C-alpha atoms as a PDB file:
ATOM      1  CA  MET A   1       5.533   3.458  -4.055  1.00  0.00           C
ATOM      2  CA  ILE A   2       5.492   7.206  -4.634  1.00  0.00           C
ATOM      3  CA  GLY A   3       6.713   9.903  -2.256  1.00  0.00           C
ATOM      4  CA  ASN A   4       6.351  13.667  -2.212  1.00  0.00           C
ATOM      5  CA  GLY A   5       9.016  14.090  -4.889  1.00  0.00           C
ATOM      6  CA  ILE A   6       6.247  13.818  -7.473  1.00  0.00           C
ATOM      7  CA  ASN A   7       4.643  16.958  -6.004  1.00  0.00           C
ATOM      8  CA  ILE A   8       7.900  18.888  -5.757  1.00  0.00           C
ATOM      9  CA  HIS A   9       8.881  18.195  -9.375  1.00  0.00           C
ATOM     10  CA  GLY A  10       7.706  21.088 -11.503  1.00  0.00           C
ATOM     11  CA  ALA A  11       6.373  23.009  -8.508  1.00  0.00           C
ATOM     12  CA  GLY A  12       9.600  24.158  -6.900  1.00  0.00           C
ATOM     13  CA  ASN A  13      10.081  24.078  -3.156  1.00  0.00           C
ATOM     14  CA  ARG A  14       6.588  25.350  -2.388  1.00  0.00           C
ATOM     15  CA  ASN A  15       5.219  21.799  -2.130  1.00  0.00           C
ATOM     16  CA  SER A  16       7.880  20.474   0.233  1.00  0.00           C
ATOM     17  CA  TRP A  17       6.843  19.087   3.600  1.00  0.00           C
ATOM     18  CA  GLU A  18       9.715  20.915   5.295  1.00  0.00           C
ATOM     19  CA  ARG A  19       8.336  24.226   4.066  1.00  0.00           C
ATOM     20  CA  LEU A  20       4.878  23.371   5.395  1.00  0.00           C
ATOM     21  CA  LEU A  21       6.251  22.356   8.786  1.00  0.00           C
ATOM     22  CA  VAL A  22       8.224  25.597   9.073  1.00  0.00           C
ATOM     23  CA  GLN A  23       5.020  27.522   8.321  1.00  0.00           C
ATOM     24  CA  ILE A  24       3.245  25.614  11.072  1.00  0.00           C
ATOM     25  CA  ALA A  25       6.170  26.226  13.430  1.00  0.00           C
ATOM     26  CA  HIS A  26       5.553  29.960  13.239  1.00  0.00           C
ATOM     27  CA  HIS A  27       2.036  29.368  14.594  1.00  0.00           C
ATOM     28  CA  CYS A  28       3.600  27.513  17.522  1.00  0.00           C
ATOM     29  CA  ALA A  29       5.960  30.370  18.425  1.00  0.00           C
ATOM     30  CA  VAL A  30       8.937  28.506  16.960  1.00  0.00           C
ATOM     31  CA  ASP A  31      10.665  31.064  14.769  1.00  0.00           C
ATOM     32  CA  VAL A  32      13.068  29.099  12.571  1.00  0.00           C
ATOM     33  CA  PRO A  33      13.877  29.617   8.870  1.00  0.00           C
ATOM     34  CA  SER A  34      14.245  25.873   8.291  1.00  0.00           C
ATOM     35  CA  VAL A  35      14.293  22.568  10.133  1.00  0.00           C
ATOM     36  CA  PRO A  36      17.560  22.586  12.133  1.00  0.00           C
ATOM     37  CA  LYS A  37      20.250  20.215  10.904  1.00  0.00           C
ATOM     38  CA  GLY A  38      20.396  17.082  12.998  1.00  0.00           C
ATOM     39  CA  THR A  39      16.627  17.144  13.548  1.00  0.00           C
ATOM     40  CA  ALA A  40      14.512  14.799  11.440  1.00  0.00           C
ATOM     41  CA  LEU A  41      11.178  16.085  10.121  1.00  0.00           C
ATOM     42  CA  THR A  42       9.403  13.558  12.335  1.00  0.00           C
ATOM     43  CA  GLU A  43      11.220  14.825  15.423  1.00  0.00           C
ATOM     44  CA  PHE A  44      10.581  18.437  14.419  1.00  0.00           C
ATOM     45  CA  TYR A  45       6.864  17.693  14.217  1.00  0.00           C
ATOM     46  CA  ASP A  46       6.854  16.072  17.665  1.00  0.00           C
ATOM     47  CA  VAL A  47       8.558  19.147  19.118  1.00  0.00           C
ATOM     48  CA  LEU A  48       5.914  21.378  17.521  1.00  0.00           C
ATOM     49  CA  GLU A  49       3.160  19.218  18.938  1.00  0.00           C
ATOM     50  CA  MET A  50       4.608  19.646  22.425  1.00  0.00           C
ATOM     51  CA  LYS A  51       4.944  23.388  21.861  1.00  0.00           C
ATOM     52  CA  ARG A  52       1.278  23.495  20.911  1.00  0.00           C
ATOM     53  CA  SER A  53       0.281  23.073  24.548  1.00  0.00           C
ATOM     54  CA  SER A  54       2.934  25.457  25.899  1.00  0.00           C
ATOM     55  CA  PRO A  55       2.523  29.182  26.613  1.00  0.00           C
ATOM     56  CA  THR A  56       3.473  31.449  23.731  1.00  0.00           C
ATOM     57  CA  ALA A  57       6.841  33.167  23.704  1.00  0.00           C
ATOM     58  CA  ASP A  58       5.414  36.569  24.646  1.00  0.00           C
ATOM     59  CA  GLY A  59       4.168  35.240  27.981  1.00  0.00           C
ATOM     60  CA  ASP A  60       0.556  34.744  26.984  1.00  0.00           C
ATOM     61  CA  ASP A  61      -0.914  32.083  29.276  1.00  0.00           C
ATOM     62  CA  GLN A  62      -3.405  30.940  26.673  1.00  0.00           C
ATOM     63  CA  ASN A  63      -2.416  27.534  25.301  1.00  0.00           C
ATOM     64  CA  ILE A  64      -1.961  27.055  21.597  1.00  0.00           C
ATOM     65  CA  THR A  65      -4.915  25.018  20.378  1.00  0.00           C
ATOM     66  CA  LEU A  66      -3.810  24.573  16.811  1.00  0.00           C
ATOM     67  CA  ASN A  67      -4.498  21.097  15.494  1.00  0.00           C
ATOM     68  CA  LEU A  68      -1.260  20.461  13.659  1.00  0.00           C
ATOM     69  CA  GLN A  69      -2.562  17.614  11.549  1.00  0.00           C
ATOM     70  CA  ALA A  70      -5.533  19.686  10.401  1.00  0.00           C
ATOM     71  CA  GLU A  71      -3.291  22.659   9.691  1.00  0.00           C
ATOM     72  CA  PHE A  72      -0.911  20.519   7.647  1.00  0.00           C
ATOM     73  CA  CYS A  73      -3.846  19.255   5.590  1.00  0.00           C
ATOM     74  CA  ARG A  74      -5.190  22.773   5.103  1.00  0.00           C
ATOM     75  CA  LEU A  75      -1.876  23.932   3.659  1.00  0.00           C
ATOM     76  CA  MET A  76      -2.113  21.210   0.994  1.00  0.00           C
ATOM     77  CA  GLU A  77      -5.664  22.023  -0.113  1.00  0.00           C
ATOM     78  CA  ARG A  78      -4.620  23.928  -3.230  1.00  0.00           C
ATOM     79  CA  TRP A  79      -2.140  21.388  -4.532  1.00  0.00           C
ATOM     80  CA  GLU A  80      -3.144  20.298  -8.023  1.00  0.00           C
ATOM     81  CA  PRO A  81      -1.936  17.569 -10.382  1.00  0.00           C
ATOM     82  CA  LEU A  82       0.517  18.527 -13.102  1.00  0.00           C
ATOM     83  CA  LEU A  83       1.105  16.804 -16.422  1.00  0.00           C
ATOM     84  CA  HIS A  84       3.455  14.187 -14.982  1.00  0.00           C
ATOM     85  CA  HIS A  85       0.887  13.244 -12.312  1.00  0.00           C
ATOM     86  CA  HIS A  86      -1.646  12.488 -15.054  1.00  0.00           C
ATOM     87  CA  THR A  87       0.891  10.631 -17.191  1.00  0.00           C
ATOM     88  CA  ILE A  88       2.099   8.342 -14.409  1.00  0.00           C
ATOM     89  CA  MET A  89      -1.377   7.642 -13.026  1.00  0.00           C
ATOM     90  CA  ASN A  90      -2.739   6.919 -16.503  1.00  0.00           C
ATOM     91  CA  TRP A  91       0.047   4.364 -16.917  1.00  0.00           C
ATOM     92  CA  ALA A  92      -0.924   2.711 -13.618  1.00  0.00           C
ATOM     93  CA  VAL A  93      -4.604   2.603 -14.594  1.00  0.00           C
ATOM     94  CA  ARG A  94      -3.868   1.131 -18.040  1.00  0.00           C
ATOM     95  CA  HIS A  95      -1.691  -1.616 -16.612  1.00  0.00           C
ATOM     96  CA  GLY A  96      -3.772  -2.333 -13.513  1.00  0.00           C
ATOM     97  CA  VAL A  97      -0.905  -1.487 -11.164  1.00  0.00           C
ATOM     98  CA  PRO A  98      -1.607  -0.716  -7.482  1.00  0.00           C
ATOM     99  CA  VAL A  99      -0.041   2.536  -6.260  1.00  0.00           C
ATOM    100  CA  LEU A 100       1.268   3.011  -2.733  1.00  0.00           C
ATOM    101  CA  THR A 101       1.970   6.568  -1.641  1.00  0.00           C
ATOM    102  CA  THR A 102       3.326   8.229   1.472  1.00  0.00           C
ATOM    103  CA  ASN A 103       1.532  11.442   0.484  1.00  0.00           C
ATOM    104  CA  PHE A 104      -1.546  12.722   2.293  1.00  0.00           C
ATOM    105  CA  GLU A 105      -3.309  14.892  -0.279  1.00  0.00           C
ATOM    106  CA  GLU A 106      -5.471  13.592  -3.121  1.00  0.00           C
ATOM    107  CA  VAL A 107      -3.441  14.850  -6.074  1.00  0.00           C
ATOM    108  CA  LEU A 108      -2.779  11.348  -7.433  1.00  0.00           C
ATOM    109  CA  SER A 109      -6.414  10.254  -7.227  1.00  0.00           C
ATOM    110  CA  GLU A 110      -7.512  13.493  -8.876  1.00  0.00           C
ATOM    111  CA  ALA A 111      -5.043  12.852 -11.689  1.00  0.00           C
ATOM    112  CA  ALA A 112      -6.357   9.302 -12.078  1.00  0.00           C
ATOM    113  CA  GLY A 113     -10.004  10.390 -11.989  1.00  0.00           C
ATOM    114  CA  CYS A 114     -10.943   7.656  -9.524  1.00  0.00           C
ATOM    115  CA  ASP A 115     -13.269   7.488  -6.530  1.00  0.00           C
ATOM    116  CA  PHE A 116     -12.711   7.024  -2.826  1.00  0.00           C
ATOM    117  CA  ILE A 117     -13.730   3.535  -1.674  1.00  0.00           C
ATOM    118  CA  ARG A 118     -14.158   2.334   1.897  1.00  0.00           C
ATOM    119  CA  PRO A 119     -15.159  -1.351   2.050  1.00  0.00           C
ATOM    120  CA  PRO A 120     -18.361  -1.321   4.148  1.00  0.00           C
ATOM    121  CA  GLU A 121     -17.926  -4.839   5.497  1.00  0.00           C
ATOM    122  CA  LEU A 122     -14.456  -4.283   6.988  1.00  0.00           C
ATOM    123  CA  PRO A 123     -13.661  -2.796  10.418  1.00  0.00           C
ATOM    124  CA  PHE A 124     -12.802   0.897  10.181  1.00  0.00           C
ATOM    125  CA  THR A 125     -10.963   3.476  12.238  1.00  0.00           C
ATOM    126  CA  ASP A 126     -10.116   6.953  11.006  1.00  0.00           C
ATOM    127  CA  PHE A 127      -6.747   6.648  12.775  1.00  0.00           C
ATOM    128  CA  TYR A 128      -5.699   3.805  10.464  1.00  0.00           C
ATOM    129  CA  PRO A 129      -7.911   3.713   7.323  1.00  0.00           C
ATOM    130  CA  TRP A 130      -5.671   1.065   5.790  1.00  0.00           C
ATOM    131  CA  SER A 131      -8.410  -0.753   3.872  1.00  0.00           C
ATOM    132  CA  CYS A 132      -9.521   2.460   2.132  1.00  0.00           C
ATOM    133  CA  ARG A 133      -8.316   3.285  -1.339  1.00  0.00           C
ATOM    134  CA  PHE A 134      -9.003   5.402  -4.416  1.00  0.00           C
ATOM    135  CA  ALA A 135      -9.996   3.202  -7.337  1.00  0.00           C
ATOM    136  CA  ASN A 136     -12.451   2.598 -10.154  1.00  0.00           C
ATOM    137  CA  GLN A 137     -13.804  -0.579  -8.560  1.00  0.00           C
ATOM    138  CA  LEU A 138     -13.642  -2.467  -5.274  1.00  0.00           C
ATOM    139  CA  LEU A 139     -11.371  -5.513  -5.451  1.00  0.00           C
ATOM    140  CA  ASP A 140     -11.181  -8.070  -2.651  1.00  0.00           C
ATOM    141  CA  ASP A 141      -7.489  -8.657  -3.313  1.00  0.00           C
ATOM    142  CA  PRO A 142      -5.481  -5.399  -3.475  1.00  0.00           C
ATOM    143  CA  CYS A 143      -3.034  -7.120  -5.843  1.00  0.00           C
ATOM    144  CA  ASP A 144      -5.679  -7.701  -8.509  1.00  0.00           C
ATOM    145  CA  GLY A 145      -5.733  -4.231 -10.024  1.00  0.00           C
ATOM    146  CA  PHE A 146      -5.301  -0.488  -9.834  1.00  0.00           C
ATOM    147  CA  GLY A 147      -5.860   1.417  -6.622  1.00  0.00           C
ATOM    148  CA  ILE A 148      -4.172   4.285  -4.778  1.00  0.00           C
ATOM    149  CA  TRP A 149      -3.320   3.446  -1.185  1.00  0.00           C
ATOM    150  CA  HIS A 150      -2.162   6.023   1.368  1.00  0.00           C
ATOM    151  CA  ILE A 151       0.397   4.473   3.710  1.00  0.00           C
ATOM    152  CA  ASN A 152       0.809   7.367   6.142  1.00  0.00           C
ATOM    153  CA  GLY A 153      -2.771   8.609   6.212  1.00  0.00           C
ATOM    154  CA  MET A 154      -5.007  10.736   4.016  1.00  0.00           C
ATOM    155  CA  ARG A 155      -6.167  14.323   4.162  1.00  0.00           C
ATOM    156  CA  ARG A 156      -9.867  13.469   4.486  1.00  0.00           C
ATOM    157  CA  TYR A 157      -9.128  11.683   7.785  1.00  0.00           C
ATOM    158  CA  GLN A 158      -6.972  14.196   9.610  1.00  0.00           C
ATOM    159  CA  ARG A 159      -6.297  11.943  12.588  1.00  0.00           C
ATOM    160  CA  SER A 160      -4.755   9.389  10.239  1.00  0.00           C
ATOM    161  CA  ILE A 161      -1.926  11.735   9.217  1.00  0.00           C
ATOM    162  CA  ARG A 162       1.438  10.263  10.280  1.00  0.00           C
ATOM    163  CA  LEU A 163       3.929  13.100  10.696  1.00  0.00           C
ATOM    164  CA  GLY A 164       5.779  12.516  13.955  1.00  0.00           C
ATOM    165  CA  LEU A 165       8.026   9.779  15.253  1.00  0.00           C
ATOM    166  CA  SER A 166       5.326   8.896  17.785  1.00  0.00           C
ATOM    167  CA  HIS A 167       2.888   8.441  14.890  1.00  0.00           C
ATOM    168  CA  TYR A 168       5.297   6.124  13.076  1.00  0.00           C
ATOM    169  CA  MET A 169       5.800   3.983  16.153  1.00  0.00           C
ATOM    170  CA  GLY A 170       2.029   3.641  16.469  1.00  0.00           C
ATOM    171  CA  SER A 171       1.888   2.364  12.894  1.00  0.00           C
ATOM    172  CA  VAL A 172       4.670  -0.122  13.633  1.00  0.00           C
ATOM    173  CA  GLN A 173       2.769  -1.421  16.631  1.00  0.00           C
ATOM    174  CA  ARG A 174      -0.435  -1.866  14.639  1.00  0.00           C
ATOM    175  CA  ALA A 175       1.251  -3.604  11.709  1.00  0.00           C
ATOM    176  CA  ARG A 176       3.355  -5.854  13.955  1.00  0.00           C
ATOM    177  CA  THR A 177       0.160  -7.369  15.360  1.00  0.00           C
ATOM    178  CA  TRP A 178      -0.948  -8.401  11.881  1.00  0.00           C
ATOM    179  CA  LEU A 179       2.462  -9.747  10.939  1.00  0.00           C
ATOM    180  CA  HIS A 180       3.405 -11.713  14.038  1.00  0.00           C
ATOM    181  CA  ARG A 181       0.580 -12.038  16.560  1.00  0.00           C
ATOM    182  CA  GLY A 182      -2.691 -13.911  16.641  1.00  0.00           C
ATOM    183  CA  GLU A 183      -3.678 -17.089  14.868  1.00  0.00           C
ATOM    184  CA  VAL A 184      -3.971 -15.525  11.407  1.00  0.00           C
ATOM    185  CA  ASN A 185      -0.801 -13.461  11.148  1.00  0.00           C
ATOM    186  CA  LEU A 186       1.163 -13.110   7.927  1.00  0.00           C
ATOM    187  CA  PHE A 187       4.145 -15.223   8.936  1.00  0.00           C
ATOM    188  CA  ASN A 188       1.936 -18.149  10.002  1.00  0.00           C
ATOM    189  CA  ALA A 189      -0.736 -17.991   7.300  1.00  0.00           C
ATOM    190  CA  LYS A 190      -0.687 -21.029   5.042  1.00  0.00           C
ATOM    191  CA  ASN A 191      -2.069 -19.056   2.122  1.00  0.00           C
ATOM    192  CA  ARG A 192      -1.065 -15.509   1.273  1.00  0.00           C
ATOM    193  CA  PRO A 193      -4.652 -14.132   1.188  1.00  0.00           C
ATOM    194  CA  ASP A 194      -5.423 -15.760   4.553  1.00  0.00           C
ATOM    195  CA  TRP A 195      -4.235 -13.203   7.100  1.00  0.00           C
ATOM    196  CA  ASP A 196      -5.587 -10.166   8.953  1.00  0.00           C
ATOM    197  CA  GLY A 197      -4.085  -7.539   6.632  1.00  0.00           C
ATOM    198  CA  ALA A 198      -5.005  -9.253   3.374  1.00  0.00           C
ATOM    199  CA  ARG A 199      -7.459  -6.525   2.313  1.00  0.00           C
ATOM    200  CA  THR A 200      -5.265  -3.562   3.207  1.00  0.00           C
ATOM    201  CA  TRP A 201      -2.305  -1.841   1.564  1.00  0.00           C
ATOM    202  CA  VAL A 202       0.050  -3.839   3.814  1.00  0.00           C
ATOM    203  CA  HIS A 203      -0.735  -6.894   1.678  1.00  0.00           C
ATOM    204  CA  LEU A 204       0.856  -5.172  -1.315  1.00  0.00           C
ATOM    205  CA  ILE A 205       4.185  -4.691   0.474  1.00  0.00           C
ATOM    206  CA  PHE A 206       4.605  -8.460   0.816  1.00  0.00           C
ATOM    207  CA  ASN A 207       2.925  -9.690  -2.372  1.00  0.00           C
ATOM    208  CA  LYS A 208       3.958  -7.395  -5.227  1.00  0.00           C
ATOM    209  CA  PRO A 209       7.182  -6.102  -6.783  1.00  0.00           C
ATOM    210  CA  LEU A 210       7.986  -2.593  -5.556  1.00  0.00           C
ATOM    211  CA  LEU A 211       9.129   0.396  -7.595  1.00  0.00           C
ATOM    212  CA  ILE A 212       9.967   3.221  -5.197  1.00  0.00           C
ATOM    213  CA  PHE A 213      10.583   6.813  -6.311  1.00  0.00           C
ATOM    214  CA  GLY A 214      10.096  10.361  -5.090  1.00  0.00           C
ATOM    215  CA  LEU A 215      10.858   9.167  -1.583  1.00  0.00           C
ATOM    216  CA  GLY A 216      13.883  10.044   0.546  1.00  0.00           C
ATOM    217  CA  LEU A 217      13.740   6.821   2.591  1.00  0.00           C
ATOM    218  CA  THR A 218      16.061   8.396   5.142  1.00  0.00           C
ATOM    219  CA  GLU A 219      16.678   6.924   8.566  1.00  0.00           C
ATOM    220  CA  ALA A 220      13.742   9.038   9.798  1.00  0.00           C
ATOM    221  CA  GLU A 221      11.356   6.825   7.784  1.00  0.00           C
ATOM    222  CA  VAL A 222      11.141   4.421  10.702  1.00  0.00           C
ATOM    223  CA  PHE A 223       7.861   2.774   9.712  1.00  0.00           C
ATOM    224  CA  LEU A 224       8.732   2.174   6.066  1.00  0.00           C
ATOM    225  CA  ARG A 225      12.219   0.917   6.840  1.00  0.00           C
ATOM    226  CA  TRP A 226      10.799  -1.478   9.405  1.00  0.00           C
ATOM    227  CA  LEU A 227       8.293  -2.774   6.836  1.00  0.00           C
ATOM    228  CA  LEU A 228      11.101  -3.355   4.343  1.00  0.00           C
ATOM    229  CA  ILE A 229      13.031  -5.323   6.975  1.00  0.00           C
ATOM    230  CA  GLU A 230       9.947  -7.441   7.680  1.00  0.00           C
ATOM    231  CA  ARG A 231       9.454  -7.939   3.934  1.00  0.00           C
ATOM    232  CA  ALA A 232      13.003  -9.269   3.618  1.00  0.00           C
ATOM    233  CA  ARG A 233      12.475 -11.595   6.596  1.00  0.00           C
ATOM    234  CA  TYR A 234       9.226 -12.857   5.105  1.00  0.00           C
ATOM    235  CA  PHE A 235      10.916 -13.638   1.787  1.00  0.00           C
ATOM    236  CA  ARG A 236      13.720 -15.419   3.613  1.00  0.00           C
ATOM    237  CA  LYS A 237      11.139 -17.647   5.300  1.00  0.00           C
ATOM    238  CA  PHE A 238       9.144 -18.127   2.083  1.00  0.00           C
ATOM    239  CA  PRO A 239      11.633 -17.698  -0.801  1.00  0.00           C
ATOM    240  CA  GLU A 240       9.081 -18.961  -3.316  1.00  0.00           C
ATOM    241  CA  ARG A 241       6.955 -15.877  -2.530  1.00  0.00           C
ATOM    242  CA  ALA A 242       9.745 -13.326  -3.040  1.00  0.00           C
ATOM    243  CA  HIS A 243       9.333 -10.306  -5.325  1.00  0.00           C
ATOM    244  CA  PRO A 244      11.976  -7.856  -6.577  1.00  0.00           C
ATOM    245  CA  ALA A 245      12.123  -4.183  -5.618  1.00  0.00           C
ATOM    246  CA  TRP A 246      13.848  -1.096  -7.018  1.00  0.00           C
ATOM    247  CA  TYR A 247      14.607   2.267  -5.439  1.00  0.00           C
ATOM    248  CA  VAL A 248      15.038   5.057  -7.994  1.00  0.00           C
ATOM    249  CA  TYR A 249      16.823   8.100  -6.615  1.00  0.00           C
ATOM    250  CA  THR A 250      18.622  11.266  -7.620  1.00  0.00           C
ATOM    251  CA  PRO A 251      21.928  11.721  -5.754  1.00  0.00           C
ATOM    252  CA  GLU A 252      22.087  14.883  -3.673  1.00  0.00           C
ATOM    253  CA  VAL A 253      25.272  16.928  -3.349  1.00  0.00           C
ATOM    254  CA  ASP A 254      26.925  16.544   0.065  1.00  0.00           C
ATOM    255  CA  ASP A 255      24.436  13.899   1.203  1.00  0.00           C
ATOM    256  CA  THR A 256      26.492  12.172   3.884  1.00  0.00           C
ATOM    257  CA  SER A 257      23.768   9.611   4.618  1.00  0.00           C
ATOM    258  CA  GLU A 258      23.415   8.274   1.073  1.00  0.00           C
ATOM    259  CA  ALA A 259      25.982   5.484   1.422  1.00  0.00           C
ATOM    260  CA  GLY A 260      24.305   4.208   4.568  1.00  0.00           C
ATOM    261  CA  LYS A 261      20.871   4.291   2.958  1.00  0.00           C
ATOM    262  CA  LEU A 262      22.045   2.341  -0.078  1.00  0.00           C
ATOM    263  CA  PHE A 263      23.741  -0.178   2.230  1.00  0.00           C
ATOM    264  CA  PHE A 264      20.463  -0.662   4.080  1.00  0.00           C
ATOM    265  CA  LEU A 265      18.432  -1.052   0.888  1.00  0.00           C
ATOM    266  CA  GLU A 266      20.834  -3.620  -0.527  1.00  0.00           C
ATOM    267  CA  GLY A 267      20.606  -5.512   2.747  1.00  0.00           C
ATOM    268  CA  VAL A 268      16.823  -5.824   2.463  1.00  0.00           C
ATOM    269  CA  GLY A 269      16.937  -6.930  -1.162  1.00  0.00           C
ATOM    270  CA  ILE A 270      16.229  -3.652  -2.949  1.00  0.00           C
ATOM    271  CA  THR A 271      18.155  -2.619  -6.062  1.00  0.00           C
ATOM    272  CA  SER A 272      19.063   1.091  -6.187  1.00  0.00           C
ATOM    273  CA  VAL A 273      18.950   2.907  -9.533  1.00  0.00           C
ATOM    274  CA  LYS A 274      20.299   6.417 -10.187  1.00  0.00           C
ATOM    275  CA  ALA A 275      18.225   8.768 -12.333  1.00  0.00           C
ATOM    276  CA  ASP A 276      17.690  12.499 -12.636  1.00  0.00           C
ATOM    277  CA  TYR A 277      14.281  14.050 -12.080  1.00  0.00           C
ATOM    278  CA  ALA A 278      13.417  14.278 -15.771  1.00  0.00           C
ATOM    279  CA  GLU A 279      14.245  10.593 -16.254  1.00  0.00           C
ATOM    280  CA  ILE A 280      11.909   9.699 -13.402  1.00  0.00           C
ATOM    281  CA  TYR A 281       8.903  11.937 -14.026  1.00  0.00           C
ATOM    282  CA  GLU A 282       9.114  12.695 -17.740  1.00  0.00           C
ATOM    283  CA  SER A 283      10.225   9.334 -19.093  1.00  0.00           C
ATOM    284  CA  PRO A 284       8.570   8.254 -22.374  1.00  0.00           C
ATOM    285  CA  SER A 285       8.101   4.838 -20.750  1.00  0.00           C
ATOM    286  CA  TRP A 286       5.093   6.178 -18.831  1.00  0.00           C
ATOM    287  CA  ALA A 287       3.255   6.488 -22.155  1.00  0.00           C
ATOM    288  CA  ALA A 288       3.564   2.749 -22.852  1.00  0.00           C
END
């Protein structure tokens, strides 16, 4: 599972989501140099979305009509893959490893040289295109080979972009139905492929080992943290189906939340591994 750290490495701060949100804030008459401390990025986005329909600061009665999701996507249009994108994606292709990403843009798929695939026989909504992937071939079982799956939405479907806390809660609600409700939910299915999310990226969370890097996994990542809790509960119910997971991170100076995050990850069965950015993105192991 790859976060936006892969885009920040080698590109400086210009590819950070915080920087993009601050740019968007200026269009919403919110003049701040950075996201205020104590405000999560998800909460900051929700505030901007509310400001969008408020009068501008100079008293103009005309409502702001900016589509924040579309604007966020537009600001990522020029992002391009760097050498480490190609190296890591080539490794995944060679070894037939599925790739989950919280990123919205198509930098990883461009680096891998693969195509967008939307299974024609499956139900589709552009709010939650969870069965769509970038790959070289369509596989019925997501675990069977390489594919790039966008957890929080993709740029080509702007309404799928999950940026705010409200968005994350919507994703939780949708996934919870597949996991716990109905006759063919994950926790009741007799066979792992026999459940409603079996042909989506959610299947990978519960049926493959996870290597997580480039991702903050802070307490603001409500949806992902909830999925990891459900994964741990699923493995407790079916220990024979359990898979390991690793979280690779670079310690940040004065990060007061790090201890709590590592406590949480240990509690849901994830091993934390320290590494600097070069060890993560420029490791010779990616050439294997």
